Amino acid sequence: MKRSERGAWPYLFLTPAIVLFTLFLAVPIGYTVWLAMRRTKVSGLGLGRGARKEVFVGFDNFSAALSDPELWHGWLRVLGYGALVLVVMLGLALLFALLLDSARVRLARFSRIAIFLPYAVPGVAATLLWGFLYLPSLSPIRDVLDIDFLGASTVTYSMANVAVWGGTGFNMLVLYTTLRAIPRDLYEAARLDGASELQIALRVKIPILTPAIILTTVFSIIATIQVFTEPTTLRPLTNTISSTWSPLMKVYRDAFVTGDLYSAAATSIVIAAISLVLSFGFLRVVRNHAFGES
């Protein structure tokens, strides 16, 4: 086989991935950017042929999106929601992973499946399940706790509960898999030095888990920024969730309710940019501690 033929094989194997990437990622992103820089111009009453024209407006749609108070109010709600979800979900995931990795744990296989199982439930189904439990007329919980779970002051916590219930299992599995890859000799050496199980968890396991914790945190930040299913599914059950409760809900409203695809495209790009800044900013802050980089 000639050297030129050998050099062509890697590109041949990469072709399906390149085609899929181009069709389903690069082209949609390019089309979104193209839409974000255009707008429909209406002449006269907007009736008749040629009354509506698509014109280039540059960065006007981005400027309008950045100056829209509804978008920033949505970001504030999502930040509060995200702070609650990240702390509780990742804290529980770490706790469960450490407990399942303990030498004294019982029914470990059943516990792993039970904790992971909610992740396998589709988000819409899980939100509907919890939504019916939140409704005063259907919920058995209301017989015990006199709390309006869909009230203005509690609905954020109710949505966070759905996210924590569904996401803890996945993050637990990532952390637990990392723990199982740690050589058992490290634990035995710590026990010989007189370390208790709690000390082993705090001084041996968690430091080794730091890169995995950071990985799950980045994934969780991205998922939290993109929150859409929970508020959209719970919205018909309560009047405390607006159509712009989260940034993605605003994009959906602009695109499919008001029909303004151009503003929706610009807002979606702004959301993507903020997501990248938050995710890479977090990595920038913690990478020296986690990965030994400066």
C-alpha atoms as a PDB file:
ATOM      1  CA  MET A   1       0.000   0.000   0.000  1.00  0.00           C
ATOM      2  CA  LYS A   2       1.327   3.406  -0.973  1.00  0.00           C
ATOM      3  CA  ARG A   3       2.007   6.049   1.660  1.00  0.00           C
ATOM      4  CA  SER A   4      -0.602   8.356   0.122  1.00  0.00           C
ATOM      5  CA  GLU A   5      -3.229   5.609   0.373  1.00  0.00           C
ATOM      6  CA  ARG A   6      -2.352   4.938   4.014  1.00  0.00           C
ATOM      7  CA  GLY A   7      -2.635   8.650   4.752  1.00  0.00           C
ATOM      8  CA  ALA A   8      -6.143   8.783   3.269  1.00  0.00           C
ATOM      9  CA  TRP A   9      -7.615   6.080   5.524  1.00  0.00           C
ATOM     10  CA  PRO A  10      -7.947   8.235   8.682  1.00  0.00           C
ATOM     11  CA  TYR A  11      -9.879  10.878   6.753  1.00  0.00           C
ATOM     12  CA  LEU A  12     -12.122   8.185   5.291  1.00  0.00           C
ATOM     13  CA  PHE A  13     -13.000   6.942   8.776  1.00  0.00           C
ATOM     14  CA  LEU A  14     -13.574  10.514   9.944  1.00  0.00           C
ATOM     15  CA  THR A  15     -15.915  11.328   7.065  1.00  0.00           C
ATOM     16  CA  PRO A  16     -19.188  10.125   8.725  1.00  0.00           C
ATOM     17  CA  ALA A  17     -18.421  12.132  11.875  1.00  0.00           C
ATOM     18  CA  ILE A  18     -17.497  15.216   9.843  1.00  0.00           C
ATOM     19  CA  VAL A  19     -20.693  14.945   7.770  1.00  0.00           C
ATOM     20  CA  LEU A  20     -22.878  14.548  10.865  1.00  0.00           C
ATOM     21  CA  PHE A  21     -21.099  17.420  12.619  1.00  0.00           C
ATOM     22  CA  THR A  22     -21.577  19.665   9.591  1.00  0.00           C
ATOM     23  CA  LEU A  23     -25.240  18.811   9.009  1.00  0.00           C
ATOM     24  CA  PHE A  24     -26.490  18.757  12.593  1.00  0.00           C
ATOM     25  CA  LEU A  25     -24.218  21.245  14.360  1.00  0.00           C
ATOM     26  CA  ALA A  26     -22.248  23.577  12.099  1.00  0.00           C
ATOM     27  CA  VAL A  27     -25.075  24.291   9.628  1.00  0.00           C
ATOM     28  CA  PRO A  28     -27.745  24.941  12.317  1.00  0.00           C
ATOM     29  CA  ILE A  29     -25.366  27.237  14.208  1.00  0.00           C
ATOM     30  CA  GLY A  30     -24.543  29.123  11.012  1.00  0.00           C
ATOM     31  CA  TYR A  31     -28.229  29.417  10.117  1.00  0.00           C
ATOM     32  CA  THR A  32     -29.009  30.712  13.621  1.00  0.00           C
ATOM     33  CA  VAL A  33     -26.318  33.385  13.300  1.00  0.00           C
ATOM     34  CA  TRP A  34     -27.710  34.302   9.868  1.00  0.00           C
ATOM     35  CA  LEU A  35     -31.253  34.656  11.260  1.00  0.00           C
ATOM     36  CA  ALA A  36     -29.987  36.683  14.230  1.00  0.00           C
ATOM     37  CA  MET A  37     -28.683  39.349  11.867  1.00  0.00           C
ATOM     38  CA  ARG A  38     -31.903  39.774   9.916  1.00  0.00           C
ATOM     39  CA  ARG A  39     -35.395  41.088  10.509  1.00  0.00           C
ATOM     40  CA  THR A  40     -38.690  41.336   8.663  1.00  0.00           C
ATOM     41  CA  LYS A  41     -39.408  44.838   7.346  1.00  0.00           C
ATOM     42  CA  VAL A  42     -43.089  45.603   6.816  1.00  0.00           C
ATOM     43  CA  SER A  43     -44.159  48.151   4.204  1.00  0.00           C
ATOM     44  CA  GLY A  44     -47.535  49.850   4.425  1.00  0.00           C
ATOM     45  CA  LEU A  45     -50.182  47.667   6.030  1.00  0.00           C
ATOM     46  CA  GLY A  46     -48.139  44.545   5.472  1.00  0.00           C
ATOM     47  CA  LEU A  47     -50.590  43.248   2.884  1.00  0.00           C
ATOM     48  CA  GLY A  48     -49.890  42.164  -0.634  1.00  0.00           C
ATOM     49  CA  ARG A  49     -46.911  40.748  -2.401  1.00  0.00           C
ATOM     50  CA  GLY A  50     -43.601  42.261  -1.377  1.00  0.00           C
ATOM     51  CA  ALA A  51     -45.057  44.040   1.663  1.00  0.00           C
ATOM     52  CA  ARG A  52     -42.828  42.004   3.960  1.00  0.00           C
ATOM     53  CA  LYS A  53     -39.133  41.807   3.258  1.00  0.00           C
ATOM     54  CA  GLU A  54     -36.287  40.205   5.146  1.00  0.00           C
ATOM     55  CA  VAL A  55     -33.526  42.769   5.651  1.00  0.00           C
ATOM     56  CA  PHE A  56     -30.066  42.713   7.160  1.00  0.00           C
ATOM     57  CA  VAL A  57     -29.868  44.559  10.501  1.00  0.00           C
ATOM     58  CA  GLY A  58     -26.401  43.586  11.757  1.00  0.00           C
ATOM     59  CA  PHE A  59     -26.196  43.405  15.534  1.00  0.00           C
ATOM     60  CA  ASP A  60     -29.498  45.194  16.262  1.00  0.00           C
ATOM     61  CA  ASN A  61     -31.188  41.972  17.409  1.00  0.00           C
ATOM     62  CA  PHE A  62     -28.311  41.238  19.777  1.00  0.00           C
ATOM     63  CA  SER A  63     -28.536  44.747  21.202  1.00  0.00           C
ATOM     64  CA  ALA A  64     -32.280  44.345  21.725  1.00  0.00           C
ATOM     65  CA  ALA A  65     -31.779  40.958  23.397  1.00  0.00           C
ATOM     66  CA  LEU A  66     -29.122  42.295  25.772  1.00  0.00           C
ATOM     67  CA  SER A  67     -31.293  45.268  26.736  1.00  0.00           C
ATOM     68  CA  ASP A  68     -34.437  43.161  27.315  1.00  0.00           C
ATOM     69  CA  PRO A  69     -35.213  43.132  31.085  1.00  0.00           C
ATOM     70  CA  GLU A  70     -37.237  39.924  30.751  1.00  0.00           C
ATOM     71  CA  LEU A  71     -34.085  38.045  29.728  1.00  0.00           C
ATOM     72  CA  TRP A  72     -32.100  39.251  32.726  1.00  0.00           C
ATOM     73  CA  HIS A  73     -34.952  38.608  35.134  1.00  0.00           C
ATOM     74  CA  GLY A  74     -35.011  35.068  33.768  1.00  0.00           C
ATOM     75  CA  TRP A  75     -31.261  34.772  34.345  1.00  0.00           C
ATOM     76  CA  LEU A  76     -31.665  35.874  37.959  1.00  0.00           C
ATOM     77  CA  ARG A  77     -34.326  33.213  38.536  1.00  0.00           C
ATOM     78  CA  VAL A  78     -32.154  30.564  36.899  1.00  0.00           C
ATOM     79  CA  LEU A  79     -29.113  31.554  38.959  1.00  0.00           C
ATOM     80  CA  GLY A  80     -31.091  31.147  42.179  1.00  0.00           C
ATOM     81  CA  TYR A  81     -32.528  27.862  40.956  1.00  0.00           C
ATOM     82  CA  GLY A  82     -29.092  26.672  39.830  1.00  0.00           C
ATOM     83  CA  ALA A  83     -27.383  27.519  43.116  1.00  0.00           C
ATOM     84  CA  LEU A  84     -29.943  25.414  44.952  1.00  0.00           C
ATOM     85  CA  VAL A  85     -29.815  22.497  42.512  1.00  0.00           C
ATOM     86  CA  LEU A  86     -26.026  22.336  42.224  1.00  0.00           C
ATOM     87  CA  VAL A  87     -25.356  22.331  45.953  1.00  0.00           C
ATOM     88  CA  VAL A  88     -28.029  19.785  46.877  1.00  0.00           C
ATOM     89  CA  MET A  89     -27.684  17.482  43.867  1.00  0.00           C
ATOM     90  CA  LEU A  90     -23.880  17.261  43.835  1.00  0.00           C
ATOM     91  CA  GLY A  91     -23.758  17.046  47.621  1.00  0.00           C
ATOM     92  CA  LEU A  92     -26.143  14.094  47.621  1.00  0.00           C
ATOM     93  CA  ALA A  93     -24.316  12.480  44.693  1.00  0.00           C
ATOM     94  CA  LEU A  94     -21.010  12.692  46.555  1.00  0.00           C
ATOM     95  CA  LEU A  95     -22.556  11.396  49.784  1.00  0.00           C
ATOM     96  CA  PHE A  96     -24.206   8.425  48.056  1.00  0.00           C
ATOM     97  CA  ALA A  97     -21.032   7.582  46.112  1.00  0.00           C
ATOM     98  CA  LEU A  98     -18.959   7.570  49.305  1.00  0.00           C
ATOM     99  CA  LEU A  99     -21.528   5.464  51.163  1.00  0.00           C
ATOM    100  CA  LEU A 100     -21.776   2.921  48.337  1.00  0.00           C
ATOM    101  CA  ASP A 101     -17.989   2.655  48.181  1.00  0.00           C
ATOM    102  CA  SER A 102     -17.765   1.934  51.888  1.00  0.00           C
ATOM    103  CA  ALA A 103     -16.652  -1.549  52.875  1.00  0.00           C
ATOM    104  CA  ARG A 104     -19.550  -1.843  55.325  1.00  0.00           C
ATOM    105  CA  VAL A 105     -22.372  -1.035  52.925  1.00  0.00           C
ATOM    106  CA  ARG A 106     -25.195  -3.540  52.502  1.00  0.00           C
ATOM    107  CA  LEU A 107     -27.367  -4.079  49.405  1.00  0.00           C
ATOM    108  CA  ALA A 108     -24.948  -1.995  47.332  1.00  0.00           C
ATOM    109  CA  ARG A 109     -26.235  -3.194  43.942  1.00  0.00           C
ATOM    110  CA  PHE A 110     -29.876  -2.545  44.827  1.00  0.00           C
ATOM    111  CA  SER A 111     -28.972   0.876  46.232  1.00  0.00           C
ATOM    112  CA  ARG A 112     -27.073   1.857  43.082  1.00  0.00           C
ATOM    113  CA  ILE A 113     -30.025   0.930  40.883  1.00  0.00           C
ATOM    114  CA  ALA A 114     -32.528   2.655  43.164  1.00  0.00           C
ATOM    115  CA  ILE A 115     -30.539   5.897  43.218  1.00  0.00           C
ATOM    116  CA  PHE A 116     -29.831   5.843  39.467  1.00  0.00           C
ATOM    117  CA  LEU A 117     -33.347   4.823  38.374  1.00  0.00           C
ATOM    118  CA  PRO A 118     -34.920   8.344  38.499  1.00  0.00           C
ATOM    119  CA  TYR A 119     -32.376   9.468  35.885  1.00  0.00           C
ATOM    120  CA  ALA A 120     -33.927   6.979  33.458  1.00  0.00           C
ATOM    121  CA  VAL A 121     -37.348   8.623  33.786  1.00  0.00           C
ATOM    122  CA  PRO A 122     -37.939  11.209  31.007  1.00  0.00           C
ATOM    123  CA  GLY A 123     -37.927  14.772  32.260  1.00  0.00           C
ATOM    124  CA  VAL A 124     -41.506  15.512  31.194  1.00  0.00           C
ATOM    125  CA  ALA A 125     -42.831  12.358  32.878  1.00  0.00           C
ATOM    126  CA  ALA A 126     -40.886  13.093  36.060  1.00  0.00           C
ATOM    127  CA  THR A 127     -42.136  16.690  36.176  1.00  0.00           C
ATOM    128  CA  LEU A 128     -45.739  15.588  35.617  1.00  0.00           C
ATOM    129  CA  LEU A 129     -45.365  12.981  38.361  1.00  0.00           C
ATOM    130  CA  TRP A 130     -44.150  15.577  40.837  1.00  0.00           C
ATOM    131  CA  GLY A 131     -46.626  18.135  39.524  1.00  0.00           C
ATOM    132  CA  PHE A 132     -49.558  15.931  40.462  1.00  0.00           C
ATOM    133  CA  LEU A 133     -47.977  15.398  43.880  1.00  0.00           C
ATOM    134  CA  TYR A 134     -47.782  19.172  44.264  1.00  0.00           C
ATOM    135  CA  LEU A 135     -51.448  19.792  43.374  1.00  0.00           C
ATOM    136  CA  PRO A 136     -53.539  20.404  46.515  1.00  0.00           C
ATOM    137  CA  SER A 137     -56.485  18.353  45.229  1.00  0.00           C
ATOM    138  CA  LEU A 138     -54.373  15.277  44.402  1.00  0.00           C
ATOM    139  CA  SER A 139     -51.327  15.366  46.634  1.00  0.00           C
ATOM    140  CA  PRO A 140     -51.136  13.070  49.680  1.00  0.00           C
ATOM    141  CA  ILE A 141     -48.247  15.248  50.839  1.00  0.00           C
ATOM    142  CA  ARG A 142     -50.630  18.159  51.479  1.00  0.00           C
ATOM    143  CA  ASP A 143     -52.417  16.037  54.078  1.00  0.00           C
ATOM    144  CA  VAL A 144     -49.196  16.006  56.115  1.00  0.00           C
ATOM    145  CA  LEU A 145     -47.561  19.319  55.205  1.00  0.00           C
ATOM    146  CA  ASP A 146     -49.643  22.454  54.843  1.00  0.00           C
ATOM    147  CA  ILE A 147     -47.442  23.924  52.103  1.00  0.00           C
ATOM    148  CA  ASP A 148     -48.450  25.345  48.743  1.00  0.00           C
ATOM    149  CA  PHE A 149     -45.730  23.744  46.601  1.00  0.00           C
ATOM    150  CA  LEU A 150     -46.768  25.769  43.543  1.00  0.00           C
ATOM    151  CA  GLY A 151     -46.969  29.135  45.284  1.00  0.00           C
ATOM    152  CA  ALA A 152     -44.899  32.132  44.244  1.00  0.00           C
ATOM    153  CA  SER A 153     -42.418  31.669  47.106  1.00  0.00           C
ATOM    154  CA  THR A 154     -42.074  27.876  46.809  1.00  0.00           C
ATOM    155  CA  VAL A 155     -42.351  27.000  43.115  1.00  0.00           C
ATOM    156  CA  THR A 156     -38.594  27.415  42.549  1.00  0.00           C
ATOM    157  CA  TYR A 157     -37.889  24.893  45.306  1.00  0.00           C
ATOM    158  CA  SER A 158     -40.464  22.526  43.804  1.00  0.00           C
ATOM    159  CA  MET A 159     -38.764  22.660  40.399  1.00  0.00           C
ATOM    160  CA  ALA A 160     -35.360  22.233  42.026  1.00  0.00           C
ATOM    161  CA  ASN A 161     -36.665  19.121  43.764  1.00  0.00           C
ATOM    162  CA  VAL A 162     -37.566  17.582  40.394  1.00  0.00           C
ATOM    163  CA  ALA A 163     -34.088  18.340  39.020  1.00  0.00           C
ATOM    164  CA  VAL A 164     -32.337  16.957  42.101  1.00  0.00           C
ATOM    165  CA  TRP A 165     -34.482  13.806  42.061  1.00  0.00           C
ATOM    166  CA  GLY A 166     -33.677  13.155  38.403  1.00  0.00           C
ATOM    167  CA  GLY A 167     -30.017  14.202  38.273  1.00  0.00           C
ATOM    168  CA  THR A 168     -28.490  12.866  41.477  1.00  0.00           C
ATOM    169  CA  GLY A 169     -28.255   9.300  40.185  1.00  0.00           C
ATOM    170  CA  PHE A 170     -26.211  10.175  37.109  1.00  0.00           C
ATOM    171  CA  ASN A 171     -23.709  12.269  39.046  1.00  0.00           C
ATOM    172  CA  MET A 172     -23.508   9.609  41.748  1.00  0.00           C
ATOM    173  CA  LEU A 173     -22.650   7.005  39.113  1.00  0.00           C
ATOM    174  CA  VAL A 174     -19.853   9.147  37.677  1.00  0.00           C
ATOM    175  CA  LEU A 175     -18.321   9.687  41.126  1.00  0.00           C
ATOM    176  CA  TYR A 176     -18.830   6.081  42.185  1.00  0.00           C
ATOM    177  CA  THR A 177     -17.162   4.769  39.015  1.00  0.00           C
ATOM    178  CA  THR A 178     -14.170   6.994  39.728  1.00  0.00           C
ATOM    179  CA  LEU A 179     -13.992   5.685  43.289  1.00  0.00           C
ATOM    180  CA  ARG A 180     -14.010   2.077  42.104  1.00  0.00           C
ATOM    181  CA  ALA A 181     -10.976   2.814  39.922  1.00  0.00           C
ATOM    182  CA  ILE A 182      -8.890   3.891  42.924  1.00  0.00           C
ATOM    183  CA  PRO A 183      -6.481   1.134  44.053  1.00  0.00           C
ATOM    184  CA  ARG A 184      -7.647  -0.487  47.272  1.00  0.00           C
ATOM    185  CA  ASP A 185      -4.062  -0.413  48.518  1.00  0.00           C
ATOM    186  CA  LEU A 186      -4.438   3.287  49.296  1.00  0.00           C
ATOM    187  CA  TYR A 187      -7.288   2.566  51.689  1.00  0.00           C
ATOM    188  CA  GLU A 188      -5.424  -0.289  53.340  1.00  0.00           C
ATOM    189  CA  ALA A 189      -2.379   1.915  53.850  1.00  0.00           C
ATOM    190  CA  ALA A 190      -4.553   4.605  55.417  1.00  0.00           C
ATOM    191  CA  ARG A 191      -6.161   2.070  57.750  1.00  0.00           C
ATOM    192  CA  LEU A 192      -2.749   0.795  58.811  1.00  0.00           C
ATOM    193  CA  ASP A 193      -1.845   4.380  59.693  1.00  0.00           C
ATOM    194  CA  GLY A 194      -4.871   4.482  61.981  1.00  0.00           C
ATOM    195  CA  ALA A 195      -7.271   6.448  59.742  1.00  0.00           C
ATOM    196  CA  SER A 196     -10.989   5.954  60.294  1.00  0.00           C
ATOM    197  CA  GLU A 197     -13.480   5.506  57.448  1.00  0.00           C
ATOM    198  CA  LEU A 198     -14.489   9.164  57.773  1.00  0.00           C
ATOM    199  CA  GLN A 199     -10.868  10.286  57.581  1.00  0.00           C
ATOM    200  CA  ILE A 200     -10.277   8.077  54.539  1.00  0.00           C
ATOM    201  CA  ALA A 201     -13.294   9.648  52.837  1.00  0.00           C
ATOM    202  CA  LEU A 202     -12.241  13.220  53.632  1.00  0.00           C
ATOM    203  CA  ARG A 203      -8.479  12.964  53.151  1.00  0.00           C
ATOM    204  CA  VAL A 204      -8.088  10.253  50.498  1.00  0.00           C
ATOM    205  CA  LYS A 205     -11.245   9.759  48.464  1.00  0.00           C
ATOM    206  CA  ILE A 206     -12.508  13.327  48.046  1.00  0.00           C
ATOM    207  CA  PRO A 207      -9.124  14.778  46.945  1.00  0.00           C
ATOM    208  CA  ILE A 208      -8.810  12.035  44.334  1.00  0.00           C
ATOM    209  CA  LEU A 209     -12.412  12.672  43.277  1.00  0.00           C
ATOM    210  CA  THR A 210     -11.818  16.386  42.668  1.00  0.00           C
ATOM    211  CA  PRO A 211     -11.482  16.168  38.834  1.00  0.00           C
ATOM    212  CA  ALA A 212     -14.662  14.060  38.637  1.00  0.00           C
ATOM    213  CA  ILE A 213     -16.503  16.495  40.913  1.00  0.00           C
ATOM    214  CA  ILE A 214     -15.446  19.371  38.656  1.00  0.00           C
ATOM    215  CA  LEU A 215     -16.586  17.440  35.577  1.00  0.00           C
ATOM    216  CA  THR A 216     -20.026  16.778  37.045  1.00  0.00           C
ATOM    217  CA  THR A 217     -20.249  20.396  38.187  1.00  0.00           C
ATOM    218  CA  VAL A 218     -19.589  21.701  34.663  1.00  0.00           C
ATOM    219  CA  PHE A 219     -22.215  19.345  33.204  1.00  0.00           C
ATOM    220  CA  SER A 220     -24.665  20.417  35.893  1.00  0.00           C
ATOM    221  CA  ILE A 221     -24.026  24.125  35.260  1.00  0.00           C
ATOM    222  CA  ILE A 222     -24.760  23.664  31.563  1.00  0.00           C
ATOM    223  CA  ALA A 223     -27.916  21.637  32.300  1.00  0.00           C
ATOM    224  CA  THR A 224     -29.113  24.210  34.822  1.00  0.00           C
ATOM    225  CA  ILE A 225     -28.651  27.109  32.419  1.00  0.00           C
ATOM    226  CA  GLN A 226     -30.721  25.179  29.875  1.00  0.00           C
ATOM    227  CA  VAL A 227     -33.603  24.507  32.284  1.00  0.00           C
ATOM    228  CA  PHE A 228     -36.796  24.312  30.259  1.00  0.00           C
ATOM    229  CA  THR A 229     -38.673  21.072  30.878  1.00  0.00           C
ATOM    230  CA  GLU A 230     -39.562  21.604  34.539  1.00  0.00           C
ATOM    231  CA  PRO A 231     -41.016  25.138  34.347  1.00  0.00           C
ATOM    232  CA  THR A 232     -42.722  24.508  31.008  1.00  0.00           C
ATOM    233  CA  THR A 233     -44.387  21.298  32.210  1.00  0.00           C
ATOM    234  CA  LEU A 234     -45.454  22.775  35.563  1.00  0.00           C
ATOM    235  CA  ARG A 235     -46.707  26.028  34.034  1.00  0.00           C
ATOM    236  CA  PRO A 236     -50.243  24.747  33.209  1.00  0.00           C
ATOM    237  CA  LEU A 237     -50.644  23.708  36.856  1.00  0.00           C
ATOM    238  CA  THR A 238     -49.963  27.138  38.348  1.00  0.00           C
ATOM    239  CA  ASN A 239     -50.063  30.826  37.465  1.00  0.00           C
ATOM    240  CA  THR A 240     -46.799  31.587  39.271  1.00  0.00           C
ATOM    241  CA  ILE A 241     -44.575  30.546  36.347  1.00  0.00           C
ATOM    242  CA  SER A 242     -44.419  33.096  33.541  1.00  0.00           C
ATOM    243  CA  SER A 243     -43.756  32.350  29.886  1.00  0.00           C
ATOM    244  CA  THR A 244     -40.292  33.894  30.307  1.00  0.00           C
ATOM    245  CA  TRP A 245     -39.384  32.262  33.633  1.00  0.00           C
ATOM    246  CA  SER A 246     -36.102  30.988  32.170  1.00  0.00           C
ATOM    247  CA  PRO A 247     -34.053  32.320  29.219  1.00  0.00           C
ATOM    248  CA  LEU A 248     -34.877  29.280  27.076  1.00  0.00           C
ATOM    249  CA  MET A 249     -38.586  29.740  27.761  1.00  0.00           C
ATOM    250  CA  LYS A 250     -38.248  33.277  26.412  1.00  0.00           C
ATOM    251  CA  VAL A 251     -36.581  31.918  23.266  1.00  0.00           C
ATOM    252  CA  TYR A 252     -39.452  29.441  22.844  1.00  0.00           C
ATOM    253  CA  ARG A 253     -42.061  32.163  23.320  1.00  0.00           C
ATOM    254  CA  ASP A 254     -40.390  34.511  20.851  1.00  0.00           C
ATOM    255  CA  ALA A 255     -39.928  31.792  18.222  1.00  0.00           C
ATOM    256  CA  PHE A 256     -43.170  29.795  18.413  1.00  0.00           C
ATOM    257  CA  VAL A 257     -45.732  32.022  20.176  1.00  0.00           C
ATOM    258  CA  THR A 258     -45.025  35.520  18.870  1.00  0.00           C
ATOM    259  CA  GLY A 259     -43.326  34.233  15.696  1.00  0.00           C
ATOM    260  CA  ASP A 260     -40.215  36.400  15.999  1.00  0.00           C
ATOM    261  CA  LEU A 261     -37.574  33.933  14.870  1.00  0.00           C
ATOM    262  CA  TYR A 262     -34.949  36.634  14.486  1.00  0.00           C
ATOM    263  CA  SER A 263     -35.079  37.819  18.096  1.00  0.00           C
ATOM    264  CA  ALA A 264     -35.227  34.212  19.274  1.00  0.00           C
ATOM    265  CA  ALA A 265     -32.092  33.380  17.282  1.00  0.00           C
ATOM    266  CA  ALA A 266     -30.209  36.343  18.718  1.00  0.00           C
ATOM    267  CA  THR A 267     -31.299  35.514  22.274  1.00  0.00           C
ATOM    268  CA  SER A 268     -30.257  31.880  21.859  1.00  0.00           C
ATOM    269  CA  ILE A 269     -26.765  32.972  20.792  1.00  0.00           C
ATOM    270  CA  VAL A 270     -26.548  35.270  23.815  1.00  0.00           C
ATOM    271  CA  ILE A 271     -27.558  32.355  26.060  1.00  0.00           C
ATOM    272  CA  ALA A 272     -24.944  30.110  24.453  1.00  0.00           C
ATOM    273  CA  ALA A 273     -22.254  32.764  24.939  1.00  0.00           C
ATOM    274  CA  ILE A 274     -23.155  33.227  28.616  1.00  0.00           C
ATOM    275  CA  SER A 275     -23.165  29.454  29.105  1.00  0.00           C
ATOM    276  CA  LEU A 276     -19.666  29.203  27.645  1.00  0.00           C
ATOM    277  CA  VAL A 277     -18.425  32.069  29.807  1.00  0.00           C
ATOM    278  CA  LEU A 278     -19.823  30.524  32.998  1.00  0.00           C
ATOM    279  CA  SER A 279     -18.587  26.999  32.212  1.00  0.00           C
ATOM    280  CA  PHE A 280     -15.089  27.962  31.104  1.00  0.00           C
ATOM    281  CA  GLY A 281     -14.884  30.581  33.839  1.00  0.00           C
ATOM    282  CA  PHE A 282     -15.550  27.901  36.425  1.00  0.00           C
ATOM    283  CA  LEU A 283     -12.912  25.648  34.838  1.00  0.00           C
ATOM    284  CA  ARG A 284     -10.460  28.539  34.801  1.00  0.00           C
ATOM    285  CA  VAL A 285     -10.956  29.128  38.512  1.00  0.00           C
ATOM    286  CA  VAL A 286     -10.607  25.505  39.620  1.00  0.00           C
ATOM    287  CA  ARG A 287      -8.206  23.981  37.113  1.00  0.00           C
ATOM    288  CA  ASN A 288      -5.068  24.816  39.094  1.00  0.00           C
ATOM    289  CA  HIS A 289      -6.425  23.042  42.167  1.00  0.00           C
ATOM    290  CA  ALA A 290      -7.899  20.115  40.278  1.00  0.00           C
ATOM    291  CA  PHE A 291      -5.475  19.467  37.453  1.00  0.00           C
ATOM    292  CA  GLY A 292      -2.273  21.147  38.613  1.00  0.00           C
ATOM    293  CA  GLU A 293      -2.401  23.701  35.799  1.00  0.00           C
ATOM    294  CA  SER A 294      -1.728  27.413  36.011  1.00  0.00           C
END
